[in-house]
Protein backbone atom coordinates (compact mmCIF):
# COMPACT_ATOMS: atom_id res chain seq x y z
CA MET A 1 -16.74 47.62 -12.13
CA SER A 2 -18.03 47.36 -8.66
CA THR A 3 -16.89 46.00 -6.08
CA THR A 4 -18.95 42.72 -6.04
CA ASP A 5 -18.43 42.41 -9.54
CA LEU A 6 -14.91 42.49 -8.61
CA ALA A 7 -15.05 40.00 -6.04
CA ILE A 8 -16.90 37.38 -8.07
CA ALA A 9 -14.65 37.86 -10.99
CA THR A 10 -11.68 37.01 -8.64
CA ASN A 11 -13.22 34.30 -7.16
CA ALA A 12 -13.96 32.78 -10.75
CA LYS A 13 -10.27 33.08 -11.18
CA VAL A 14 -9.00 31.75 -7.93
CA GLU A 15 -11.39 28.74 -8.71
CA ASN A 16 -10.36 28.07 -12.20
CA ARG A 17 -6.69 28.40 -10.85
CA MET A 18 -7.71 25.85 -8.29
CA ARG A 19 -8.91 23.42 -10.74
CA SER A 20 -5.64 23.27 -12.77
CA ILE A 21 -2.57 22.27 -12.22
CA ARG A 22 1.01 23.26 -12.98
CA VAL A 23 2.48 21.04 -15.79
CA TRP A 24 5.37 22.80 -17.74
CA ASP A 25 7.88 24.31 -15.63
CA PRO A 26 9.25 27.75 -17.04
CA PHE A 27 12.31 26.62 -18.06
CA VAL A 28 10.32 23.75 -20.61
CA ARG A 29 7.81 26.92 -22.37
CA LEU A 30 11.03 29.55 -22.58
CA PHE A 31 12.45 26.59 -23.98
CA HIS A 32 10.03 25.85 -26.48
CA TRP A 33 8.76 29.57 -27.10
CA SER A 34 12.82 30.37 -27.43
CA LEU A 35 13.45 27.70 -30.01
CA VAL A 36 10.30 28.89 -31.92
CA GLY A 37 11.64 32.23 -32.46
CA LEU A 38 14.99 31.15 -32.98
CA PHE A 39 13.96 28.67 -35.63
CA VAL A 40 11.96 31.29 -37.58
CA PHE A 41 15.14 33.65 -37.17
CA ALA A 42 17.28 30.93 -38.53
CA PHE A 43 15.21 29.81 -41.48
CA ALA A 44 14.50 33.34 -42.84
CA THR A 45 18.07 34.61 -42.01
CA GLY A 46 19.54 31.36 -43.62
CA ASP A 47 20.71 32.92 -47.13
CA GLU A 48 21.07 36.27 -46.27
CA TRP A 49 22.50 36.91 -43.03
CA ASP A 50 25.22 34.31 -41.92
CA ALA A 51 26.03 35.77 -38.92
CA ALA A 52 22.99 36.20 -37.91
CA HIS A 53 21.91 32.28 -38.90
CA GLU A 54 24.73 31.02 -37.42
CA LEU A 55 24.57 32.80 -33.89
CA ALA A 56 20.98 31.03 -33.89
CA GLY A 57 22.07 28.01 -34.57
CA TYR A 58 24.46 28.00 -31.88
CA VAL A 59 21.77 29.70 -29.53
CA ILE A 60 19.71 26.84 -30.51
CA ALA A 61 22.29 24.05 -29.98
CA GLY A 62 22.50 24.95 -26.96
CA LEU A 63 18.92 25.21 -26.05
CA VAL A 64 18.81 21.95 -27.44
CA GLY A 65 21.65 20.45 -24.92
CA ALA A 66 20.00 22.25 -22.11
CA ARG A 67 16.64 20.63 -22.80
CA VAL A 68 18.43 17.04 -22.92
CA ILE A 69 19.74 17.69 -19.55
CA TRP A 70 16.36 18.49 -18.19
CA GLY A 71 14.82 15.83 -19.65
CA LEU A 72 16.96 13.66 -18.02
CA VAL A 73 17.08 15.56 -14.17
CA GLY A 74 14.13 18.23 -14.62
CA SER A 75 10.72 18.36 -13.63
CA ARG A 76 8.02 15.25 -13.88
CA HIS A 77 6.15 16.37 -17.11
CA ALA A 78 9.24 17.60 -18.48
CA ARG A 79 11.72 14.52 -18.09
CA PHE A 80 11.60 11.84 -20.58
CA SER A 81 10.79 8.73 -18.60
CA ASP A 82 7.29 11.06 -18.29
CA PHE A 83 6.43 11.01 -21.90
CA VAL A 84 8.50 8.14 -23.78
CA HIS A 85 6.68 5.70 -24.90
CA ARG A 86 6.67 2.06 -26.85
CA PRO A 87 6.18 2.30 -30.80
CA SER A 88 3.05 0.34 -30.04
CA THR A 89 1.38 2.66 -27.68
CA ILE A 90 2.48 5.80 -29.41
CA LEU A 91 -0.05 3.97 -32.84
CA ALA A 92 -2.23 2.54 -30.15
CA TYR A 93 -2.85 6.41 -29.18
CA LEU A 94 -2.63 7.98 -32.93
CA ARG A 95 -5.54 5.25 -33.77
CA ASP A 96 -7.64 6.22 -30.50
CA SER A 97 -7.05 9.54 -31.90
CA VAL A 98 -8.45 8.91 -35.29
CA PHE A 99 -11.22 7.90 -34.07
CA LEU A 100 -11.36 11.23 -30.93
CA LYS A 101 -11.62 8.29 -28.17
CA ALA A 102 -7.70 8.97 -27.24
CA LYS A 103 -6.92 8.93 -23.46
CA ARG A 104 -5.76 12.32 -22.00
CA TYR A 105 -2.77 12.90 -20.53
CA VAL A 106 -1.62 15.91 -17.99
CA GLY A 107 1.47 15.69 -19.79
CA HIS A 108 2.37 15.00 -23.15
CA ASN A 109 0.63 12.37 -25.01
CA PRO A 110 2.26 9.15 -26.56
CA ALA A 111 2.45 11.10 -29.95
CA GLY A 112 3.75 14.28 -28.75
CA GLY A 113 6.40 12.55 -26.74
CA ALA A 114 7.59 11.21 -29.72
CA MET A 115 7.05 14.35 -31.53
CA VAL A 116 9.21 16.02 -28.84
CA ILE A 117 12.07 13.48 -29.61
CA ALA A 118 11.53 13.76 -33.41
CA LEU A 119 11.79 17.34 -32.97
CA LEU A 120 14.91 17.38 -30.92
CA ALA A 121 17.03 15.03 -32.82
CA MET A 122 16.31 16.83 -36.40
CA ILE A 123 17.11 19.79 -34.64
CA ALA A 124 20.27 18.21 -33.60
CA ILE A 125 21.00 17.66 -37.03
CA ILE A 126 20.44 21.36 -38.28
CA ALA A 127 22.48 22.14 -35.77
CA GLY A 128 25.72 19.46 -36.18
CA SER A 129 25.49 19.71 -39.98
CA GLY A 130 25.42 23.91 -39.76
CA TYR A 131 28.65 23.69 -37.36
CA ALA A 132 30.12 20.78 -39.83
CA MET A 133 29.65 23.63 -42.71
CA THR A 134 31.99 26.27 -40.77
CA THR A 135 34.57 23.71 -40.14
CA ASP A 136 37.76 23.61 -42.62
CA MET A 137 37.08 19.77 -42.79
CA PHE A 138 33.50 20.16 -44.50
CA TRP A 139 33.67 23.62 -45.70
CA GLY A 140 32.35 23.23 -49.38
CA ALA A 141 31.09 19.71 -48.71
CA ASP A 142 27.85 19.50 -51.09
CA TRP A 143 26.81 16.59 -48.72
CA VAL A 144 27.01 18.25 -45.53
CA GLU A 145 25.08 21.48 -46.97
CA GLU A 146 22.92 18.89 -48.57
CA VAL A 147 22.22 17.05 -45.22
CA HIS A 148 21.74 20.44 -43.53
CA GLU A 149 18.83 21.67 -45.90
CA ALA A 150 16.64 17.86 -45.79
CA ALA A 151 17.10 18.30 -42.05
CA VAL A 152 15.33 21.42 -42.22
CA TYR A 153 12.59 21.08 -44.58
CA SER A 154 11.90 17.16 -42.56
CA THR A 155 11.69 19.75 -39.83
CA LEU A 156 9.15 21.65 -41.00
CA VAL A 157 6.93 18.77 -42.02
CA LEU A 158 7.54 17.87 -38.16
CA ILE A 159 6.32 20.95 -36.99
CA ALA A 160 3.11 21.23 -39.19
CA LEU A 161 2.66 17.88 -37.76
CA HIS A 162 2.93 19.27 -33.77
CA VAL A 163 0.70 22.08 -34.64
CA GLY A 164 -1.98 19.44 -36.33
CA GLY A 165 -1.26 17.29 -33.17
CA VAL A 166 -2.18 20.34 -31.15
CA VAL A 167 -5.37 21.61 -32.64
CA LEU A 168 -6.66 17.90 -32.87
CA ALA A 169 -5.78 17.20 -29.11
CA SER A 170 -7.19 20.74 -27.81
CA LEU A 171 -10.18 19.92 -29.71
CA GLU A 172 -10.56 16.06 -28.57
CA HIS A 173 -10.12 17.01 -24.80
CA GLY A 174 -11.56 20.54 -24.46
CA GLU A 175 -8.32 22.46 -23.48
CA ASN A 176 -5.99 24.88 -25.25
CA LEU A 177 -2.74 23.26 -25.15
CA VAL A 178 -0.90 26.58 -26.96
CA ARG A 179 -2.60 28.72 -24.00
CA ALA A 180 -1.59 25.57 -21.58
CA MET A 181 2.66 25.94 -22.84
CA PHE A 182 2.33 29.98 -21.99
CA THR A 183 0.69 29.92 -18.46
CA GLY A 184 2.48 25.97 -17.47
CA ARG A 185 -1.06 25.35 -16.38
CA LYS A 186 -3.71 22.53 -17.48
CA ARG A 187 -7.01 21.51 -16.32
CA ALA A 188 -6.75 19.04 -13.28
CA ASP A 189 -9.25 16.66 -14.20
């Protein structure tokens, strides 16, 4: 690569970075991808490797607790106040998305914000019921295991909806939301 080509490529990267803004802070990105990996690991080890499954569950519970705190005191787009909307706003956003006319949000859109809350709640139920199964009080209680499994499979449905929503919003607004969750940056306009 010539010096001129290198300068052009460098200028293009600088211009591209200038047209983008930081949205997802390092904690949000680390939380997100750690949760993805740990959930997959916990799901895969659920019936096969109890000690590892339980350890993953404890780490997940800690992550969820930290994310709730960060949702109250974290950076602008990490705060619940930035992305928790009224049900009517969420429904209007979903309706507009069906017609590919939804407003673009720099942070989570109303549907994405609702999904964050739903996933945090379901994962908290999974962690809580998983922990309960290890206590003397609920050891062997079938209903606790049923709650745990139902929450896991409900979360899988939410994950599928989440991925579908990310794909739809990425296509609708012409931006790669998966890349944004790695880099922390989205386009400014």
